[in-house]
Amino acid sequence: MSKLSFLFIFLIINCKSKNTDQKPSFLHDISIGPTPWTSDVFELEEDDFTFAIISDLNGGERSNIYSTAVSQLNRLDPTFVLSVGDLIDGGTEDKAQLQKEWDWFDLRTSKLNMPFFHLGGNHDLTNPIMRQFWNDRFGPRYYHFVYEDVLFLMMDSEDYEEERMIEIYTARAKALKIIAGEIEGEYQDSDYFHMSERRIGGMSEAQYIYYKNVLEKYPEMKWTFVLMHKPLWMREDEKGLGKLETLLKDRPYTVINGHFHSFSHRKRYGRDYTILGTTGGSQHANDPISFDHITLVRMADEPVLTHLKMDGILDETGKVPITMDSLIMFEN
């Protein structure tokens, strides 16, 4: 037998051996006739992965919701979990209070069985002191990462010049006193109410350049996800998402944000833009699209987004797997 013939036979045997080894075990006792299953061909290795996204906890966090979400996420077992901001109540310059609030959030988050990616919202990045606190604890306020040929842009929608940030913070503090009845006035007449940043945020030129360079570095990604807290895509000047959307137009991408505590979805430039509801944050009374949920994204050839209402994610007893915050609350 020639060496070439021997090699050919060896390859055939080897391939058959590998296929046999890879075939999953499926045993049954039905030898003839129809079977009560549709196929006995099983996917050997999945080329996709699944990640989850949580939305707003704050703007009036309700007890036990986030801890319950953590328990549910562990049951769903995504590869990792992302956030769209408003993770603490914030709105203070008291570093001891910030330490307490972040410790409480991170304690609950530490119960996850998979990686979690922080992203800041207006409650997390209200003033320069909070911005520095974030930098010291979590590093950059905006960043990116690539997982399995998928690019994630984690944006900071509170990216203002320090002087403007202080103006917004001061106006917000006054507006909150009006709401609390501490000073006279109407919230709708306040300076804060009329600031565009209150609803749609802002992005610096430095952040735009950062992501411009990221997109140039990764031109051929399978998909790109753009996450932020406030909908920068609603802002139409140079501090909005417009310039970045121009750079994204020739690639498949999805935009996801929070902030409004009310779910919505739309097509923009032929792409999916989704505003998430809440994962523990305050809700709008009598609003059917203001609900607690977890978003699961299965990244196949293109993403498949599934929004799971938390009250429908049940444990083996048929109940929501509630984890009481009080059971794991740390000492003050």
Foldseek 3Di string as FASTA:
>chain_A
DDPVVVVVVVVVVVVVVVVVVQQDDDDDDDDDDDDPDDDSGDDRDALWFKEKEAEACAPAFDFQLLLLVLVLCQVVPGQEYEYAANQFQALDLDVVVVVQGVVLSVVSVVSHPHYYDDAYDCRQPQAPSSVVVCCVPPNDNWDWDDDSLEIETRDELQADDRVVSVVLSVQVVVLVCCVVVVDDDDSCPTPNVPDPCLAAGFADPVSVVVVVVVCVVRVDGLEYEYHHAHQLCVDDDPRGCVVVCVSCLVGHYEYEYEHPLFWDWDADSNHIYIYQHHSRYDFDPPHPRRAGWMWMWIDHSHTDIDTGGQQCSADPVRGSPGDGSVVVNDDD
